[in-house]
Amino acid sequence: MPPYAVPPVVATAVAALAALNTTPASAATPAEICGSGYVQIDSRTLQNSSTVLARVHLLYNASNGNNCVVTMHAPATAGFALPTGAWLTVQDSTTKKDQRTYSSYAGRLRASAVGKCVRWGGMIEAGVGEHTYTSPWEHCG
């Protein structure tokens, strides 16, 4: 089994939880994770053919010009330790990346992007395969 392969029992449990559409009681919002003043400006869903596995959120804080990226596990994967990642690149800067095994979210990557474009994204590996999103350069300003 590859190092990040999800055992069949976990894949089955993910499918069962998806059918129940359960949400952990302590689930924080992306804005709560990023901090005071952050407002969501974009998001993308990571899913297999039938189940939402995670959502990648891009937030912005107008008071300080910072962007923030968080990849949140969806109800189907919440509580399962799975490879999960988030990344944020501000034009002309190096990429900030947080990619490890998490059971709720990856990230809270923050960077100032005043007058510049950003490229952002995230991933989750669940069941068979990795599900990834990377934006084009966007949200310039």
C-alpha atoms as a PDB file:
ATOM      1  CA  MET A   1       0.000   0.000   0.000  1.00  0.00           C
ATOM      2  CA  PRO A   2       1.498   3.440  -0.918  1.00  0.00           C
ATOM      3  CA  PRO A   3       2.500   5.619   2.077  1.00  0.00           C
ATOM      4  CA  TYR A   4      -0.669   7.759   1.872  1.00  0.00           C
ATOM      5  CA  ALA A   5      -3.084   5.086   0.717  1.00  0.00           C
ATOM      6  CA  VAL A   6      -6.314   5.049   2.666  1.00  0.00           C
ATOM      7  CA  PRO A   7      -7.126   1.601   4.013  1.00  0.00           C
ATOM      8  CA  PRO A   8     -10.361   0.137   2.572  1.00  0.00           C
ATOM      9  CA  VAL A   9     -12.048   0.371   5.974  1.00  0.00           C
ATOM     10  CA  VAL A  10     -11.421   4.154   6.054  1.00  0.00           C
ATOM     11  CA  ALA A  11     -12.713   4.569   2.504  1.00  0.00           C
ATOM     12  CA  THR A  12     -15.856   2.667   3.513  1.00  0.00           C
ATOM     13  CA  ALA A  13     -16.259   4.801   6.634  1.00  0.00           C
ATOM     14  CA  VAL A  14     -15.867   7.985   4.555  1.00  0.00           C
ATOM     15  CA  ALA A  15     -18.651   6.820   2.251  1.00  0.00           C
ATOM     16  CA  ALA A  16     -20.880   5.915   5.219  1.00  0.00           C
ATOM     17  CA  LEU A  17     -20.360   9.298   6.867  1.00  0.00           C
ATOM     18  CA  ALA A  18     -21.062  11.059   3.590  1.00  0.00           C
ATOM     19  CA  ALA A  19     -24.381   9.262   3.424  1.00  0.00           C
ATOM     20  CA  LEU A  20     -25.201  10.468   6.938  1.00  0.00           C
ATOM     21  CA  ASN A  21     -24.067  14.021   6.097  1.00  0.00           C
ATOM     22  CA  THR A  22     -22.660  14.467   9.605  1.00  0.00           C
ATOM     23  CA  THR A  23     -20.750  17.548  10.750  1.00  0.00           C
ATOM     24  CA  PRO A  24     -18.534  17.679  13.830  1.00  0.00           C
ATOM     25  CA  ALA A  25     -20.023  19.903  16.545  1.00  0.00           C
ATOM     26  CA  SER A  26     -16.789  21.849  16.960  1.00  0.00           C
ATOM     27  CA  ALA A  27     -16.285  22.708  13.280  1.00  0.00           C
ATOM     28  CA  ALA A  28     -14.815  26.194  12.891  1.00  0.00           C
ATOM     29  CA  THR A  29     -15.471  28.391   9.875  1.00  0.00           C
ATOM     30  CA  PRO A  30     -12.694  29.510   7.516  1.00  0.00           C
ATOM     31  CA  ALA A  31     -13.135  33.094   8.792  1.00  0.00           C
ATOM     32  CA  GLU A  32     -12.691  31.937  12.398  1.00  0.00           C
ATOM     33  CA  ILE A  33      -9.552  30.028  11.437  1.00  0.00           C
ATOM     34  CA  CYS A  34      -8.023  32.933   9.487  1.00  0.00           C
ATOM     35  CA  GLY A  35      -8.861  35.468  12.187  1.00  0.00           C
ATOM     36  CA  SER A  36     -10.676  38.720  12.753  1.00  0.00           C
ATOM     37  CA  GLY A  37     -11.533  40.762   9.666  1.00  0.00           C
ATOM     38  CA  TYR A  38     -11.220  37.985   7.072  1.00  0.00           C
ATOM     39  CA  VAL A  39     -14.033  37.567   4.538  1.00  0.00           C
ATOM     40  CA  GLN A  40     -14.300  34.731   2.023  1.00  0.00           C
ATOM     41  CA  ILE A  41     -13.782  35.875  -1.573  1.00  0.00           C
ATOM     42  CA  ASP A  42     -13.492  32.517  -3.348  1.00  0.00           C
ATOM     43  CA  SER A  43     -13.683  28.753  -2.788  1.00  0.00           C
ATOM     44  CA  ARG A  44     -13.415  25.464  -4.639  1.00  0.00           C
ATOM     45  CA  THR A  45     -14.830  22.044  -3.836  1.00  0.00           C
ATOM     46  CA  LEU A  46     -12.629  18.940  -3.908  1.00  0.00           C
ATOM     47  CA  GLN A  47     -14.643  15.813  -4.588  1.00  0.00           C
ATOM     48  CA  ASN A  48     -14.572  12.370  -6.083  1.00  0.00           C
ATOM     49  CA  SER A  49     -17.323  11.268  -8.442  1.00  0.00           C
ATOM     50  CA  SER A  50     -20.025  11.379  -5.768  1.00  0.00           C
ATOM     51  CA  THR A  51     -18.704  12.752  -2.474  1.00  0.00           C
ATOM     52  CA  VAL A  52     -17.471  16.179  -1.408  1.00  0.00           C
ATOM     53  CA  LEU A  53     -14.167  15.566   0.392  1.00  0.00           C
ATOM     54  CA  ALA A  54     -12.945  19.088   1.204  1.00  0.00           C
ATOM     55  CA  ARG A  55     -13.277  22.762   0.297  1.00  0.00           C
ATOM     56  CA  VAL A  56     -10.449  25.193  -0.341  1.00  0.00           C
ATOM     57  CA  HIS A  57     -11.262  28.735   0.824  1.00  0.00           C
ATOM     58  CA  LEU A  58      -9.583  32.032  -0.086  1.00  0.00           C
ATOM     59  CA  LEU A  59     -10.267  34.911   2.289  1.00  0.00           C
ATOM     60  CA  TYR A  60      -9.216  38.559   2.325  1.00  0.00           C
ATOM     61  CA  ASN A  61      -8.728  41.096   5.094  1.00  0.00           C
ATOM     62  CA  ALA A  62      -9.312  44.617   3.742  1.00  0.00           C
ATOM     63  CA  SER A  63      -7.828  46.283   6.822  1.00  0.00           C
ATOM     64  CA  ASN A  64      -4.340  44.810   6.325  1.00  0.00           C
ATOM     65  CA  GLY A  65      -4.366  43.592   2.685  1.00  0.00           C
ATOM     66  CA  ASN A  66      -3.716  39.967   3.646  1.00  0.00           C
ATOM     67  CA  ASN A  67      -5.107  36.892   1.920  1.00  0.00           C
ATOM     68  CA  CYS A  68      -5.632  33.620   3.784  1.00  0.00           C
ATOM     69  CA  VAL A  69      -6.071  30.070   2.461  1.00  0.00           C
ATOM     70  CA  VAL A  70      -7.593  27.149   4.363  1.00  0.00           C
ATOM     71  CA  THR A  71      -8.508  23.659   3.091  1.00  0.00           C
ATOM     72  CA  MET A  72     -11.345  22.336   5.262  1.00  0.00           C
ATOM     73  CA  HIS A  73     -12.394  18.709   5.437  1.00  0.00           C
ATOM     74  CA  ALA A  74     -16.015  18.190   4.412  1.00  0.00           C
ATOM     75  CA  PRO A  75     -18.398  16.210   6.641  1.00  0.00           C
ATOM     76  CA  ALA A  76     -17.446  13.007   4.777  1.00  0.00           C
ATOM     77  CA  THR A  77     -13.774  13.286   5.789  1.00  0.00           C
ATOM     78  CA  ALA A  78     -13.906  15.311   9.027  1.00  0.00           C
ATOM     79  CA  GLY A  79     -12.238  13.440  11.843  1.00  0.00           C
ATOM     80  CA  PHE A  80     -10.188  11.204   9.533  1.00  0.00           C
ATOM     81  CA  ALA A  81      -6.432  11.815   9.466  1.00  0.00           C
ATOM     82  CA  LEU A  82      -5.791  12.298   5.752  1.00  0.00           C
ATOM     83  CA  PRO A  83      -3.081  14.038   3.723  1.00  0.00           C
ATOM     84  CA  THR A  84      -4.446  17.573   3.340  1.00  0.00           C
ATOM     85  CA  GLY A  85      -2.788  20.697   1.988  1.00  0.00           C
ATOM     86  CA  ALA A  86      -3.167  24.385   1.290  1.00  0.00           C
ATOM     87  CA  TRP A  87      -0.935  26.797  -0.627  1.00  0.00           C
ATOM     88  CA  LEU A  88      -0.755  30.496  -1.362  1.00  0.00           C
ATOM     89  CA  THR A  89       1.571  32.340  -3.708  1.00  0.00           C
ATOM     90  CA  VAL A  90       1.667  36.113  -3.994  1.00  0.00           C
ATOM     91  CA  GLN A  91       3.018  37.351  -7.333  1.00  0.00           C
ATOM     92  CA  ASP A  92       6.834  37.743  -7.195  1.00  0.00           C
ATOM     93  CA  SER A  93       7.032  35.822  -3.880  1.00  0.00           C
ATOM     94  CA  THR A  94       7.716  32.255  -2.809  1.00  0.00           C
ATOM     95  CA  THR A  95       4.857  29.835  -2.219  1.00  0.00           C
ATOM     96  CA  LYS A  96       3.619  29.255   1.321  1.00  0.00           C
ATOM     97  CA  LYS A  97       2.502  25.653   1.741  1.00  0.00           C
ATOM     98  CA  ASP A  98       1.067  23.526   4.516  1.00  0.00           C
ATOM     99  CA  GLN A  99       0.672  19.878   3.552  1.00  0.00           C
ATOM    100  CA  ARG A 100       0.567  17.163   6.183  1.00  0.00           C
ATOM    101  CA  THR A 101      -1.863  14.656   7.662  1.00  0.00           C
ATOM    102  CA  TYR A 102      -4.820  16.476   9.230  1.00  0.00           C
ATOM    103  CA  SER A 103      -8.281  15.490  10.434  1.00  0.00           C
ATOM    104  CA  SER A 104      -9.997  18.882  10.080  1.00  0.00           C
ATOM    105  CA  TYR A 105      -8.105  21.476   8.016  1.00  0.00           C
ATOM    106  CA  ALA A 106      -4.776  22.533   6.539  1.00  0.00           C
ATOM    107  CA  GLY A 107      -3.518  26.027   6.327  1.00  0.00           C
ATOM    108  CA  ARG A 108      -4.308  29.335   7.690  1.00  0.00           C
ATOM    109  CA  LEU A 109      -1.670  30.526   5.311  1.00  0.00           C
ATOM    110  CA  ARG A 110      -1.624  34.315   5.321  1.00  0.00           C
ATOM    111  CA  ALA A 111       0.281  36.729   3.101  1.00  0.00           C
ATOM    112  CA  SER A 112       0.043  40.375   2.087  1.00  0.00           C
ATOM    113  CA  ALA A 113      -1.008  40.800  -1.539  1.00  0.00           C
ATOM    114  CA  VAL A 114      -1.629  44.543  -1.847  1.00  0.00           C
ATOM    115  CA  GLY A 115      -1.345  45.489  -5.526  1.00  0.00           C
ATOM    116  CA  LYS A 116      -0.483  41.921  -6.562  1.00  0.00           C
ATOM    117  CA  CYS A 117      -2.204  38.790  -7.870  1.00  0.00           C
ATOM    118  CA  VAL A 118      -2.398  35.516  -5.960  1.00  0.00           C
ATOM    119  CA  ARG A 119      -2.401  31.854  -6.897  1.00  0.00           C
ATOM    120  CA  TRP A 120      -4.009  29.627  -4.271  1.00  0.00           C
ATOM    121  CA  GLY A 121      -5.141  26.074  -3.854  1.00  0.00           C
ATOM    122  CA  GLY A 122      -5.395  22.941  -1.818  1.00  0.00           C
ATOM    123  CA  MET A 123      -5.601  19.166  -1.831  1.00  0.00           C
ATOM    124  CA  ILE A 124      -6.890  16.138   0.002  1.00  0.00           C
ATOM    125  CA  GLU A 125      -6.056  12.483  -0.503  1.00  0.00           C
ATOM    126  CA  ALA A 126      -8.954  10.191   0.320  1.00  0.00           C
ATOM    127  CA  GLY A 127     -10.079   6.860  -1.000  1.00  0.00           C
ATOM    128  CA  VAL A 128      -8.379   6.267  -4.305  1.00  0.00           C
ATOM    129  CA  GLY A 129      -6.450   9.300  -5.448  1.00  0.00           C
ATOM    130  CA  GLU A 130      -5.521  12.861  -4.690  1.00  0.00           C
ATOM    131  CA  HIS A 131      -7.970  15.686  -5.331  1.00  0.00           C
ATOM    132  CA  THR A 132      -6.308  19.042  -6.048  1.00  0.00           C
ATOM    133  CA  TYR A 133      -7.127  22.582  -7.088  1.00  0.00           C
ATOM    134  CA  THR A 134      -4.716  25.378  -8.024  1.00  0.00           C
ATOM    135  CA  SER A 135      -6.099  28.692  -9.217  1.00  0.00           C
ATOM    136  CA  PRO A 136      -4.720  30.784 -12.034  1.00  0.00           C
ATOM    137  CA  TRP A 137      -3.215  34.160 -11.094  1.00  0.00           C
ATOM    138  CA  GLU A 138      -6.247  36.121  -9.943  1.00  0.00           C
ATOM    139  CA  HIS A 139      -7.780  38.430  -7.325  1.00  0.00           C
ATOM    140  CA  CYS A 140      -5.292  41.125  -8.312  1.00  0.00           C
ATOM    141  CA  GLY A 141      -5.309  44.405  -6.474  1.00  0.00           C
END
